[in-house]
Amino acid sequence: MITAVLGDITALSTDAIVNAANSTLLGGGGVDGAVHRKAGPELKSVCALLGGCETGQAKTTGAFSLPCKYVIHTVGPVWQGGTRGEADLLESCYKNAITEAIRVNAKSIAFPAISTGVYGYPFREAAEIAVNTVRKNCPENLDVIFCCFSEKDLEVYEELLESYSRPN
């Protein structure tokens, strides 16, 4: 099942949440900062041992004080006009996060809108990549939640999910 909700990803009790991280994995702003603050200092200590993460890749840690079991950290691309492989890198974020979720035997995963904050990816384009990639790569036994920050964002995801549920 694939759904979209309005809320705080750090409050979800899914098996895994995805952190829109920076390449150091040591915390930052937006979703990354919120995940690190709510997880507690242990998360930063564990992330420091991971040696960072390349754009499009994903690494998994425990969740510490978060209600989920795992945090899957992925580094989205910075928007540079769409001519530098940003779409492929963003797709890789979703694919690799799903791969990590399967590896840890997660049954549910929540995604934020990766790269749409300070990294500047146009929201609708990023949401289309997210929905398309999840639909193509997610096994049936993995429930996916797109956790949206605003009503406007939620409307975009609901529209995209609705368009996929209609028969051709």
N, C-alpha and C. Protein backbone atom coordinates (compact mmCIF):
# COMPACT_ATOMS: atom_id res chain seq x y z
N MET A 1 0.84 -1.17 0.00
CA MET A 1 0.00 0.00 0.00
C MET A 1 0.89 1.24 0.00
N ILE A 2 0.54 2.22 -0.81
CA ILE A 2 1.26 3.48 -0.88
C ILE A 2 0.28 4.60 -0.56
N THR A 3 0.62 5.41 0.46
CA THR A 3 -0.25 6.49 0.88
C THR A 3 0.56 7.76 1.10
N ALA A 4 -0.15 8.86 1.25
CA ALA A 4 0.47 10.14 1.60
C ALA A 4 -0.25 10.69 2.82
N VAL A 5 0.51 11.26 3.74
CA VAL A 5 -0.06 11.86 4.94
C VAL A 5 0.60 13.21 5.20
N LEU A 6 -0.11 14.03 5.94
CA LEU A 6 0.44 15.30 6.41
C LEU A 6 0.95 15.06 7.81
N GLY A 7 2.20 15.41 8.08
CA GLY A 7 2.69 15.19 9.43
C GLY A 7 4.17 15.36 9.59
N ASP A 8 4.62 14.92 10.74
CA ASP A 8 6.02 14.98 11.16
C ASP A 8 6.60 13.58 11.02
N ILE A 9 7.52 13.41 10.10
CA ILE A 9 8.08 12.08 9.83
C ILE A 9 8.74 11.48 11.08
N THR A 10 9.25 12.34 11.97
CA THR A 10 9.92 11.83 13.16
C THR A 10 8.94 11.28 14.20
N ALA A 11 7.65 11.47 13.99
CA ALA A 11 6.64 10.96 14.91
C ALA A 11 6.01 9.65 14.43
N LEU A 12 6.38 9.20 13.23
CA LEU A 12 5.75 8.01 12.67
C LEU A 12 6.35 6.73 13.26
N SER A 13 5.48 5.74 13.47
CA SER A 13 5.90 4.46 14.03
C SER A 13 6.08 3.39 12.95
N THR A 14 6.50 3.79 11.78
CA THR A 14 6.81 2.82 10.73
C THR A 14 8.08 2.06 11.13
N ASP A 15 8.36 0.97 10.45
CA ASP A 15 9.60 0.26 10.73
C ASP A 15 10.81 1.13 10.41
N ALA A 16 10.72 1.90 9.31
CA ALA A 16 11.84 2.75 8.91
C ALA A 16 11.32 4.11 8.46
N ILE A 17 12.12 5.13 8.74
CA ILE A 17 11.88 6.44 8.13
C ILE A 17 13.13 6.79 7.33
N VAL A 18 12.92 7.56 6.29
CA VAL A 18 14.04 8.00 5.47
C VAL A 18 14.42 9.41 5.89
N ASN A 19 15.70 9.60 6.09
CA ASN A 19 16.25 10.90 6.44
C ASN A 19 16.85 11.51 5.18
N ALA A 20 16.38 12.69 4.82
CA ALA A 20 16.96 13.44 3.70
C ALA A 20 18.22 14.10 4.24
N ALA A 21 19.31 13.36 4.21
CA ALA A 21 20.55 13.74 4.88
C ALA A 21 21.48 14.54 3.97
N ASN A 22 22.51 15.11 4.60
CA ASN A 22 23.60 15.66 3.80
C ASN A 22 24.71 14.62 3.76
N SER A 23 25.73 14.85 2.97
CA SER A 23 26.74 13.82 2.72
C SER A 23 27.58 13.45 3.95
N THR A 24 27.59 14.29 4.98
CA THR A 24 28.35 13.93 6.18
C THR A 24 27.58 12.97 7.08
N LEU A 25 26.26 12.96 6.95
CA LEU A 25 25.34 12.20 7.82
C LEU A 25 25.36 12.68 9.26
N LEU A 26 25.91 13.86 9.52
CA LEU A 26 26.07 14.32 10.89
C LEU A 26 25.02 15.34 11.33
N GLY A 27 23.96 15.47 10.56
CA GLY A 27 22.89 16.39 10.92
C GLY A 27 22.98 17.66 10.10
N GLY A 28 21.88 18.35 10.04
CA GLY A 28 21.82 19.59 9.26
C GLY A 28 20.50 20.27 9.54
N GLY A 29 19.91 20.86 8.52
CA GLY A 29 18.64 21.53 8.67
C GLY A 29 17.49 20.66 8.20
N GLY A 30 16.30 21.20 8.19
CA GLY A 30 15.12 20.52 7.67
C GLY A 30 14.87 19.17 8.31
N VAL A 31 14.54 18.19 7.47
CA VAL A 31 14.26 16.83 7.95
C VAL A 31 15.47 16.27 8.69
N ASP A 32 16.65 16.47 8.13
CA ASP A 32 17.88 15.95 8.73
C ASP A 32 18.06 16.44 10.16
N GLY A 33 17.89 17.74 10.37
CA GLY A 33 18.03 18.29 11.71
C GLY A 33 16.98 17.74 12.66
N ALA A 34 15.75 17.64 12.18
CA ALA A 34 14.66 17.11 13.02
C ALA A 34 14.92 15.66 13.41
N VAL A 35 15.39 14.86 12.46
CA VAL A 35 15.69 13.45 12.76
C VAL A 35 16.78 13.35 13.82
N HIS A 36 17.84 14.10 13.64
CA HIS A 36 18.94 14.05 14.61
C HIS A 36 18.51 14.56 15.99
N ARG A 37 17.74 15.63 16.04
CA ARG A 37 17.29 16.16 17.34
C ARG A 37 16.43 15.14 18.08
N LYS A 38 15.47 14.54 17.37
CA LYS A 38 14.55 13.60 18.04
C LYS A 38 15.20 12.26 18.35
N ALA A 39 16.16 11.83 17.53
CA ALA A 39 16.82 10.54 17.77
C ALA A 39 17.76 10.63 18.96
N GLY A 40 18.33 11.80 19.19
CA GLY A 40 19.28 11.97 20.29
C GLY A 40 20.72 11.89 19.81
N PRO A 41 21.66 12.19 20.70
CA PRO A 41 23.08 12.27 20.33
C PRO A 41 23.70 10.95 19.87
N GLU A 42 23.08 9.84 20.24
CA GLU A 42 23.61 8.54 19.80
C GLU A 42 23.61 8.41 18.29
N LEU A 43 22.62 9.01 17.63
CA LEU A 43 22.54 8.91 16.17
C LEU A 43 23.76 9.56 15.53
N LYS A 44 24.12 10.73 15.99
CA LYS A 44 25.29 11.41 15.43
C LYS A 44 26.56 10.59 15.66
N SER A 45 26.67 9.98 16.84
CA SER A 45 27.84 9.15 17.14
C SER A 45 27.96 7.98 16.19
N VAL A 46 26.84 7.32 15.92
CA VAL A 46 26.84 6.17 15.00
C VAL A 46 27.10 6.65 13.57
N CYS A 47 26.47 7.74 13.17
CA CYS A 47 26.67 8.26 11.81
C CYS A 47 28.13 8.67 11.57
N ALA A 48 28.80 9.14 12.60
CA ALA A 48 30.20 9.55 12.46
C ALA A 48 31.08 8.36 12.07
N LEU A 49 30.65 7.17 12.40
CA LEU A 49 31.42 5.97 12.07
C LEU A 49 31.17 5.46 10.65
N LEU A 50 30.16 6.01 9.97
CA LEU A 50 29.77 5.51 8.64
C LEU A 50 30.57 6.10 7.48
N GLY A 51 31.35 7.12 7.74
CA GLY A 51 32.18 7.69 6.68
C GLY A 51 31.41 8.49 5.63
N GLY A 52 30.28 9.04 6.01
CA GLY A 52 29.49 9.84 5.07
C GLY A 52 28.71 8.97 4.10
N CYS A 53 28.13 9.63 3.11
CA CYS A 53 27.30 8.94 2.13
C CYS A 53 27.30 9.74 0.83
N GLU A 54 27.43 9.07 -0.28
CA GLU A 54 27.43 9.72 -1.59
C GLU A 54 26.00 10.06 -2.02
N THR A 55 25.85 11.06 -2.84
CA THR A 55 24.55 11.43 -3.39
C THR A 55 23.93 10.24 -4.12
N GLY A 56 22.67 9.97 -3.82
CA GLY A 56 21.95 8.86 -4.43
C GLY A 56 22.06 7.55 -3.68
N GLN A 57 22.98 7.46 -2.75
CA GLN A 57 23.18 6.23 -1.98
C GLN A 57 22.38 6.30 -0.68
N ALA A 58 22.39 5.20 0.09
CA ALA A 58 21.65 5.15 1.35
C ALA A 58 22.40 4.28 2.35
N LYS A 59 22.31 4.66 3.62
CA LYS A 59 22.90 3.89 4.71
C LYS A 59 21.89 3.85 5.86
N THR A 60 21.88 2.76 6.60
CA THR A 60 20.88 2.54 7.65
C THR A 60 21.52 2.52 9.03
N THR A 61 20.80 3.14 9.98
CA THR A 61 21.20 3.09 11.38
C THR A 61 19.98 2.72 12.21
N GLY A 62 20.21 2.50 13.48
CA GLY A 62 19.12 2.37 14.42
C GLY A 62 18.43 3.72 14.57
N ALA A 63 17.32 3.73 15.28
CA ALA A 63 16.52 4.95 15.41
C ALA A 63 16.64 5.62 16.77
N PHE A 64 17.23 4.94 17.74
CA PHE A 64 17.45 5.50 19.07
C PHE A 64 16.15 6.01 19.68
N SER A 65 15.97 7.30 19.90
CA SER A 65 14.76 7.81 20.59
C SER A 65 13.57 8.05 19.67
N LEU A 66 13.69 7.73 18.41
CA LEU A 66 12.56 7.86 17.48
C LEU A 66 11.63 6.67 17.65
N PRO A 67 10.35 6.80 17.30
CA PRO A 67 9.41 5.68 17.44
C PRO A 67 9.56 4.59 16.38
N CYS A 68 10.33 4.82 15.34
CA CYS A 68 10.56 3.80 14.31
C CYS A 68 11.71 2.90 14.75
N LYS A 69 12.01 1.88 13.95
CA LYS A 69 13.11 0.96 14.27
C LYS A 69 14.42 1.39 13.60
N TYR A 70 14.32 1.92 12.38
CA TYR A 70 15.50 2.25 11.59
C TYR A 70 15.38 3.63 10.97
N VAL A 71 16.54 4.26 10.77
CA VAL A 71 16.62 5.47 9.97
C VAL A 71 17.47 5.13 8.76
N ILE A 72 16.90 5.34 7.59
CA ILE A 72 17.62 5.13 6.34
C ILE A 72 18.01 6.51 5.83
N HIS A 73 19.30 6.79 5.85
CA HIS A 73 19.82 8.09 5.45
C HIS A 73 20.13 8.05 3.96
N THR A 74 19.63 9.02 3.23
CA THR A 74 19.95 9.11 1.80
C THR A 74 20.26 10.56 1.48
N VAL A 75 21.16 10.75 0.54
CA VAL A 75 21.59 12.09 0.17
C VAL A 75 21.05 12.41 -1.21
N GLY A 76 20.12 13.35 -1.24
CA GLY A 76 19.53 13.76 -2.51
C GLY A 76 20.42 14.74 -3.25
N PRO A 77 20.14 14.90 -4.54
CA PRO A 77 20.92 15.84 -5.34
C PRO A 77 20.51 17.29 -5.11
N VAL A 78 21.46 18.18 -5.24
CA VAL A 78 21.17 19.60 -5.26
C VAL A 78 20.70 19.94 -6.67
N TRP A 79 19.59 20.66 -6.79
CA TRP A 79 19.06 21.05 -8.09
C TRP A 79 20.00 22.04 -8.76
N GLN A 80 20.40 21.70 -9.99
CA GLN A 80 21.29 22.56 -10.76
C GLN A 80 20.71 22.82 -12.14
N GLY A 81 19.39 22.84 -12.22
CA GLY A 81 18.73 23.11 -13.49
C GLY A 81 18.24 21.87 -14.21
N GLY A 82 18.54 20.70 -13.69
CA GLY A 82 18.04 19.46 -14.28
C GLY A 82 18.91 18.86 -15.37
N THR A 83 20.08 19.43 -15.59
CA THR A 83 20.94 18.94 -16.68
C THR A 83 22.17 18.19 -16.18
N ARG A 84 22.24 17.93 -14.89
CA ARG A 84 23.42 17.29 -14.32
C ARG A 84 23.10 15.95 -13.65
N GLY A 85 22.12 15.26 -14.20
CA GLY A 85 21.77 13.94 -13.69
C GLY A 85 20.97 13.93 -12.42
N GLU A 86 20.36 15.06 -12.08
CA GLU A 86 19.61 15.14 -10.83
C GLU A 86 18.48 14.13 -10.76
N ALA A 87 17.76 13.94 -11.84
CA ALA A 87 16.62 13.00 -11.83
C ALA A 87 17.10 11.58 -11.54
N ASP A 88 18.18 11.16 -12.18
CA ASP A 88 18.71 9.82 -11.93
C ASP A 88 19.19 9.66 -10.49
N LEU A 89 19.83 10.70 -9.97
CA LEU A 89 20.31 10.63 -8.60
C LEU A 89 19.16 10.58 -7.61
N LEU A 90 18.12 11.35 -7.86
CA LEU A 90 16.95 11.33 -6.97
C LEU A 90 16.26 9.97 -7.03
N GLU A 91 16.12 9.42 -8.22
CA GLU A 91 15.55 8.08 -8.36
C GLU A 91 16.38 7.07 -7.56
N SER A 92 17.70 7.20 -7.62
CA SER A 92 18.58 6.30 -6.88
C SER A 92 18.36 6.39 -5.38
N CYS A 93 18.06 7.60 -4.88
CA CYS A 93 17.76 7.74 -3.45
C CYS A 93 16.61 6.83 -3.05
N TYR A 94 15.53 6.88 -3.82
CA TYR A 94 14.35 6.08 -3.49
C TYR A 94 14.63 4.59 -3.67
N LYS A 95 15.29 4.21 -4.77
CA LYS A 95 15.61 2.79 -4.99
C LYS A 95 16.50 2.25 -3.87
N ASN A 96 17.55 3.00 -3.53
CA ASN A 96 18.48 2.52 -2.50
C ASN A 96 17.85 2.49 -1.12
N ALA A 97 16.96 3.41 -0.83
CA ALA A 97 16.25 3.38 0.45
C ALA A 97 15.35 2.14 0.52
N ILE A 98 14.67 1.82 -0.57
CA ILE A 98 13.84 0.62 -0.61
C ILE A 98 14.72 -0.62 -0.43
N THR A 99 15.86 -0.66 -1.08
CA THR A 99 16.79 -1.78 -0.94
C THR A 99 17.22 -1.94 0.52
N GLU A 100 17.52 -0.83 1.17
CA GLU A 100 17.91 -0.88 2.59
C GLU A 100 16.74 -1.39 3.44
N ALA A 101 15.54 -0.92 3.17
CA ALA A 101 14.37 -1.37 3.93
C ALA A 101 14.17 -2.87 3.80
N ILE A 102 14.34 -3.38 2.60
CA ILE A 102 14.22 -4.83 2.37
C ILE A 102 15.32 -5.56 3.13
N ARG A 103 16.53 -5.01 3.10
CA ARG A 103 17.68 -5.64 3.76
C ARG A 103 17.44 -5.82 5.26
N VAL A 104 16.80 -4.82 5.90
CA VAL A 104 16.55 -4.92 7.34
C VAL A 104 15.18 -5.52 7.66
N ASN A 105 14.52 -6.03 6.61
CA ASN A 105 13.23 -6.70 6.76
C ASN A 105 12.12 -5.77 7.27
N ALA A 106 12.19 -4.51 6.87
CA ALA A 106 11.13 -3.57 7.23
C ALA A 106 9.85 -3.91 6.47
N LYS A 107 8.75 -3.69 7.12
CA LYS A 107 7.44 -3.89 6.49
C LYS A 107 6.77 -2.57 6.15
N SER A 108 7.33 -1.47 6.66
CA SER A 108 6.78 -0.14 6.37
C SER A 108 7.91 0.88 6.37
N ILE A 109 7.76 1.88 5.51
CA ILE A 109 8.78 2.92 5.36
C ILE A 109 8.08 4.24 5.07
N ALA A 110 8.63 5.32 5.62
CA ALA A 110 8.10 6.66 5.37
C ALA A 110 9.18 7.50 4.71
N PHE A 111 8.80 8.20 3.65
CA PHE A 111 9.71 9.07 2.92
C PHE A 111 9.30 10.54 3.09
N PRO A 112 10.29 11.42 3.27
CA PRO A 112 10.02 12.85 3.12
C PRO A 112 10.15 13.20 1.63
N ALA A 113 9.95 14.44 1.29
CA ALA A 113 10.15 14.89 -0.10
C ALA A 113 11.63 15.23 -0.27
N ILE A 114 12.40 14.23 -0.63
CA ILE A 114 13.86 14.34 -0.72
C ILE A 114 14.27 15.41 -1.74
N SER A 115 15.20 16.23 -1.34
CA SER A 115 15.84 17.28 -2.16
C SER A 115 14.98 18.51 -2.44
N THR A 116 13.77 18.58 -1.88
CA THR A 116 12.88 19.69 -2.23
C THR A 116 13.03 20.90 -1.31
N GLY A 117 13.77 20.78 -0.24
CA GLY A 117 13.98 21.90 0.67
C GLY A 117 15.12 22.77 0.19
N VAL A 118 16.15 22.89 1.01
CA VAL A 118 17.28 23.76 0.66
C VAL A 118 18.04 23.28 -0.58
N TYR A 119 17.85 22.01 -0.97
CA TYR A 119 18.52 21.52 -2.18
C TYR A 119 17.82 21.98 -3.45
N GLY A 120 16.63 22.58 -3.31
CA GLY A 120 15.99 23.30 -4.39
C GLY A 120 15.33 22.53 -5.51
N TYR A 121 15.15 21.21 -5.35
CA TYR A 121 14.53 20.44 -6.43
C TYR A 121 13.08 20.89 -6.59
N PRO A 122 12.62 21.15 -7.80
CA PRO A 122 11.21 21.55 -8.00
C PRO A 122 10.28 20.47 -7.43
N PHE A 123 9.33 20.90 -6.59
CA PHE A 123 8.54 19.95 -5.81
C PHE A 123 7.78 18.94 -6.66
N ARG A 124 7.03 19.40 -7.63
CA ARG A 124 6.21 18.47 -8.41
C ARG A 124 7.08 17.46 -9.15
N GLU A 125 8.17 17.90 -9.75
CA GLU A 125 9.07 16.97 -10.45
C GLU A 125 9.63 15.93 -9.48
N ALA A 126 10.02 16.38 -8.30
CA ALA A 126 10.56 15.45 -7.30
C ALA A 126 9.48 14.46 -6.85
N ALA A 127 8.27 14.93 -6.65
CA ALA A 127 7.18 14.05 -6.23
C ALA A 127 6.87 13.02 -7.31
N GLU A 128 6.89 13.42 -8.57
CA GLU A 128 6.65 12.47 -9.67
C GLU A 128 7.72 11.39 -9.68
N ILE A 129 8.98 11.78 -9.50
CA ILE A 129 10.06 10.79 -9.45
C ILE A 129 9.85 9.85 -8.26
N ALA A 130 9.48 10.42 -7.11
CA ALA A 130 9.27 9.60 -5.91
C ALA A 130 8.17 8.56 -6.13
N VAL A 131 7.03 9.01 -6.60
CA VAL A 131 5.89 8.10 -6.79
C VAL A 131 6.21 7.06 -7.87
N ASN A 132 6.76 7.49 -8.99
CA ASN A 132 7.10 6.55 -10.06
C ASN A 132 8.10 5.50 -9.59
N THR A 133 9.13 5.93 -8.90
CA THR A 133 10.18 5.02 -8.46
C THR A 133 9.66 4.03 -7.44
N VAL A 134 8.89 4.51 -6.49
CA VAL A 134 8.33 3.60 -5.48
C VAL A 134 7.40 2.60 -6.14
N ARG A 135 6.53 3.05 -7.02
CA ARG A 135 5.60 2.12 -7.67
C ARG A 135 6.34 1.04 -8.46
N LYS A 136 7.44 1.39 -9.10
CA LYS A 136 8.19 0.42 -9.91
C LYS A 136 9.06 -0.51 -9.08
N ASN A 137 9.51 -0.08 -7.92
CA ASN A 137 10.56 -0.81 -7.20
C ASN A 137 10.16 -1.37 -5.84
N CYS A 138 8.98 -1.05 -5.37
CA CYS A 138 8.60 -1.46 -4.03
C CYS A 138 7.89 -2.81 -4.05
N PRO A 139 8.35 -3.75 -3.25
CA PRO A 139 7.64 -5.03 -3.18
C PRO A 139 6.28 -4.85 -2.51
N GLU A 140 5.37 -5.75 -2.81
CA GLU A 140 4.01 -5.65 -2.27
C GLU A 140 3.95 -5.72 -0.75
N ASN A 141 4.93 -6.36 -0.13
CA ASN A 141 4.89 -6.52 1.33
C ASN A 141 5.53 -5.34 2.07
N LEU A 142 5.85 -4.26 1.36
CA LEU A 142 6.41 -3.07 2.00
C LEU A 142 5.43 -1.91 1.83
N ASP A 143 4.86 -1.46 2.95
CA ASP A 143 3.95 -0.31 2.92
C ASP A 143 4.77 0.97 2.89
N VAL A 144 4.35 1.92 2.06
CA VAL A 144 5.07 3.17 1.89
C VAL A 144 4.17 4.35 2.25
N ILE A 145 4.72 5.26 3.02
CA ILE A 145 4.05 6.51 3.34
C ILE A 145 4.91 7.65 2.83
N PHE A 146 4.31 8.56 2.07
CA PHE A 146 4.96 9.81 1.73
C PHE A 146 4.49 10.81 2.78
N CYS A 147 5.39 11.24 3.64
CA CYS A 147 5.06 12.15 4.72
C CYS A 147 5.28 13.58 4.26
N CYS A 148 4.21 14.34 4.20
CA CYS A 148 4.25 15.69 3.63
C CYS A 148 4.27 16.75 4.72
N PHE A 149 4.99 17.81 4.43
CA PHE A 149 5.19 18.91 5.37
C PHE A 149 4.04 19.92 5.33
N SER A 150 3.37 20.04 4.19
CA SER A 150 2.29 21.03 4.07
C SER A 150 1.10 20.43 3.34
N GLU A 151 -0.04 21.10 3.50
CA GLU A 151 -1.26 20.69 2.78
C GLU A 151 -1.03 20.72 1.27
N LYS A 152 -0.34 21.74 0.80
CA LYS A 152 -0.06 21.88 -0.63
C LYS A 152 0.75 20.68 -1.13
N ASP A 153 1.75 20.28 -0.38
CA ASP A 153 2.55 19.12 -0.76
C ASP A 153 1.71 17.85 -0.77
N LEU A 154 0.88 17.71 0.25
CA LEU A 154 0.00 16.54 0.35
C LEU A 154 -0.92 16.46 -0.87
N GLU A 155 -1.46 17.58 -1.30
CA GLU A 155 -2.35 17.59 -2.46
C GLU A 155 -1.64 17.07 -3.71
N VAL A 156 -0.38 17.44 -3.88
CA VAL A 156 0.39 16.97 -5.05
C VAL A 156 0.55 15.45 -4.99
N TYR A 157 0.96 14.93 -3.83
CA TYR A 157 1.13 13.47 -3.70
C TYR A 157 -0.20 12.74 -3.89
N GLU A 158 -1.27 13.26 -3.29
CA GLU A 158 -2.58 12.60 -3.45
C GLU A 158 -3.01 12.59 -4.91
N GLU A 159 -2.79 13.66 -5.62
CA GLU A 159 -3.13 13.72 -7.04
C GLU A 159 -2.32 12.69 -7.84
N LEU A 160 -1.03 12.61 -7.56
CA LEU A 160 -0.18 11.64 -8.27
C LEU A 160 -0.58 10.20 -7.94
N LEU A 161 -0.84 9.93 -6.68
CA LEU A 161 -1.25 8.57 -6.29
C LEU A 161 -2.61 8.21 -6.88
N GLU A 162 -3.52 9.17 -6.93
CA GLU A 162 -4.84 8.94 -7.52
C GLU A 162 -4.71 8.64 -9.01
N SER A 163 -3.85 9.36 -9.69
CA SER A 163 -3.71 9.16 -11.13
C SER A 163 -3.16 7.76 -11.44
N TYR A 164 -2.40 7.19 -10.51
CA TYR A 164 -1.88 5.84 -10.72
C TYR A 164 -2.90 4.77 -10.41
N SER A 165 -3.89 5.12 -9.59
CA SER A 165 -4.88 4.10 -9.22
C SER A 165 -6.01 4.00 -10.24
N ARG A 166 -6.10 4.99 -11.13
CA ARG A 166 -7.15 4.94 -12.16
C ARG A 166 -6.75 3.99 -13.29
N PRO A 167 -7.70 3.24 -13.81
CA PRO A 167 -7.39 2.35 -14.94
C PRO A 167 -7.06 3.20 -16.18
N ASN A 168 -6.19 2.67 -17.01
CA ASN A 168 -5.79 3.39 -18.25
C ASN A 168 -6.88 3.38 -19.28
